Structure formats: C-alpha cells, structure tokens
Amino acid sequence: MITSFLAFVYAGTETQHETESWKKKMTTLSPVWTVKTITNTDLKRAQNAELIQVSVLSERKQYFT
C-alpha cells in the first residue's frame, strides 16, 4: 500500500514538473502566453504538435538514408 502511495506521489510530481516545463517553453516561444492563461488543451496541442514534428523529421531521415 505504501508502494502505491509513493508511486502516485512520484507520478504527480513528475507531471507537475513536465507541465511547468511545457509552460516555460510555450511562454518563451510566444509572448501571447504571458497574458493568456495556458489551458490543459493548449498543453495537449503543443505536445501533439511536437510529437508530429519529431515523427515527420524521423521519417525524412529514414527516407534520405
């Protein structure tokens, strides 16, 4: 039971760190985020956009090698 509790605490802490990292990244990339609140949907969209970009670059690399 304590193991489960520690796992949830760890997961929550990691999630918080990741969220703060994404907020900092988004604020750095566009000044609009300094006046607009970043929502959960905004974070998901940014993560999906990065995932797509990495996927496309990976495909291009495989295509040209």
C-alpha atoms as a PDB file:
ATOM      1  CA  MET A   1       0.000   0.000   0.000  1.00  0.00           C
ATOM      2  CA  ILE A   2       2.829   2.390   0.766  1.00  0.00           C
ATOM      3  CA  THR A   3       4.409   1.468  -2.563  1.00  0.00           C
ATOM      4  CA  SER A   4       1.249   2.521  -4.393  1.00  0.00           C
ATOM      5  CA  PHE A   5       1.144   5.780  -2.468  1.00  0.00           C
ATOM      6  CA  LEU A   6       4.768   6.536  -3.318  1.00  0.00           C
ATOM      7  CA  ALA A   7       4.143   5.699  -6.981  1.00  0.00           C
ATOM      8  CA  PHE A   8       1.229   8.157  -7.106  1.00  0.00           C
ATOM      9  CA  VAL A   9       3.256  10.859  -5.368  1.00  0.00           C
ATOM     10  CA  TYR A  10       6.130  10.331  -7.801  1.00  0.00           C
ATOM     11  CA  ALA A  11       3.795  10.390 -10.830  1.00  0.00           C
ATOM     12  CA  GLY A  12       2.123  13.561  -9.600  1.00  0.00           C
ATOM     13  CA  THR A  13       5.458  15.258  -9.024  1.00  0.00           C
ATOM     14  CA  GLU A  14       6.741  14.272 -12.473  1.00  0.00           C
ATOM     15  CA  THR A  15       3.524  15.502 -14.081  1.00  0.00           C
ATOM     16  CA  GLN A  16       3.875  18.835 -12.299  1.00  0.00           C
ATOM     17  CA  HIS A  17       7.493  19.195 -13.447  1.00  0.00           C
ATOM     18  CA  GLU A  18       6.555  18.345 -17.041  1.00  0.00           C
ATOM     19  CA  THR A  19       3.660  20.822 -17.004  1.00  0.00           C
ATOM     20  CA  GLU A  20       5.899  23.602 -15.687  1.00  0.00           C
ATOM     21  CA  SER A  21       8.498  22.768 -18.324  1.00  0.00           C
ATOM     22  CA  TRP A  22       5.915  22.998 -21.113  1.00  0.00           C
ATOM     23  CA  LYS A  23       4.534  26.271 -19.743  1.00  0.00           C
ATOM     24  CA  LYS A  24       8.028  27.765 -19.683  1.00  0.00           C
ATOM     25  CA  LYS A  25       8.709  26.507 -23.211  1.00  0.00           C
ATOM     26  CA  MET A  26       5.428  27.923 -24.557  1.00  0.00           C
ATOM     27  CA  THR A  27       5.947  31.288 -22.839  1.00  0.00           C
ATOM     28  CA  THR A  28       9.441  31.500 -24.331  1.00  0.00           C
ATOM     29  CA  LEU A  29       8.221  30.691 -27.839  1.00  0.00           C
ATOM     30  CA  SER A  30       5.322  33.140 -27.960  1.00  0.00           C
ATOM     31  CA  PRO A  31       4.697  36.279 -25.923  1.00  0.00           C
ATOM     32  CA  VAL A  32       0.924  35.758 -26.140  1.00  0.00           C
ATOM     33  CA  TRP A  33       1.239  33.195 -23.329  1.00  0.00           C
ATOM     34  CA  THR A  34       2.445  35.881 -20.922  1.00  0.00           C
ATOM     35  CA  VAL A  35      -1.020  37.478 -20.971  1.00  0.00           C
ATOM     36  CA  LYS A  36      -3.185  34.458 -21.815  1.00  0.00           C
ATOM     37  CA  THR A  37      -3.667  31.574 -19.410  1.00  0.00           C
ATOM     38  CA  ILE A  38      -2.290  28.288 -20.725  1.00  0.00           C
ATOM     39  CA  THR A  39      -5.004  25.650 -20.541  1.00  0.00           C
ATOM     40  CA  ASN A  40      -4.781  21.874 -20.496  1.00  0.00           C
ATOM     41  CA  THR A  41      -5.979  21.866 -24.118  1.00  0.00           C
ATOM     42  CA  ASP A  42      -3.167  24.259 -25.091  1.00  0.00           C
ATOM     43  CA  LEU A  43      -0.613  21.954 -23.460  1.00  0.00           C
ATOM     44  CA  LYS A  44      -2.023  18.904 -25.258  1.00  0.00           C
ATOM     45  CA  ARG A  45      -1.940  20.706 -28.609  1.00  0.00           C
ATOM     46  CA  ALA A  46       1.672  21.785 -28.100  1.00  0.00           C
ATOM     47  CA  GLN A  47       2.720  18.267 -27.123  1.00  0.00           C
ATOM     48  CA  ASN A  48       0.913  16.778 -30.130  1.00  0.00           C
ATOM     49  CA  ALA A  49       2.497  19.327 -32.471  1.00  0.00           C
ATOM     50  CA  GLU A  50       5.956  18.472 -31.160  1.00  0.00           C
ATOM     51  CA  LEU A  51       5.251  14.750 -31.471  1.00  0.00           C
ATOM     52  CA  ILE A  52       4.136  15.193 -35.094  1.00  0.00           C
ATOM     53  CA  GLN A  53       7.203  17.310 -35.879  1.00  0.00           C
ATOM     54  CA  VAL A  54       9.550  14.695 -34.400  1.00  0.00           C
ATOM     55  CA  SER A  55       7.735  11.947 -36.285  1.00  0.00           C
ATOM     56  CA  VAL A  56       7.976  13.775 -39.614  1.00  0.00           C
ATOM     57  CA  LEU A  57      11.674  14.523 -39.110  1.00  0.00           C
ATOM     58  CA  SER A  58      12.288  10.882 -38.256  1.00  0.00           C
ATOM     59  CA  GLU A  59      10.502   9.745 -41.419  1.00  0.00           C
ATOM     60  CA  ARG A  60      12.504  12.204 -43.541  1.00  0.00           C
ATOM     61  CA  LYS A  61      15.738  10.977 -42.009  1.00  0.00           C
ATOM     62  CA  GLN A  62      14.846   7.356 -42.810  1.00  0.00           C
ATOM     63  CA  TYR A  63      13.807   8.321 -46.341  1.00  0.00           C
ATOM     64  CA  PHE A  64      17.078  10.073 -47.153  1.00  0.00           C
ATOM     65  CA  THR A  65      19.416   7.498 -45.601  1.00  0.00           C
END
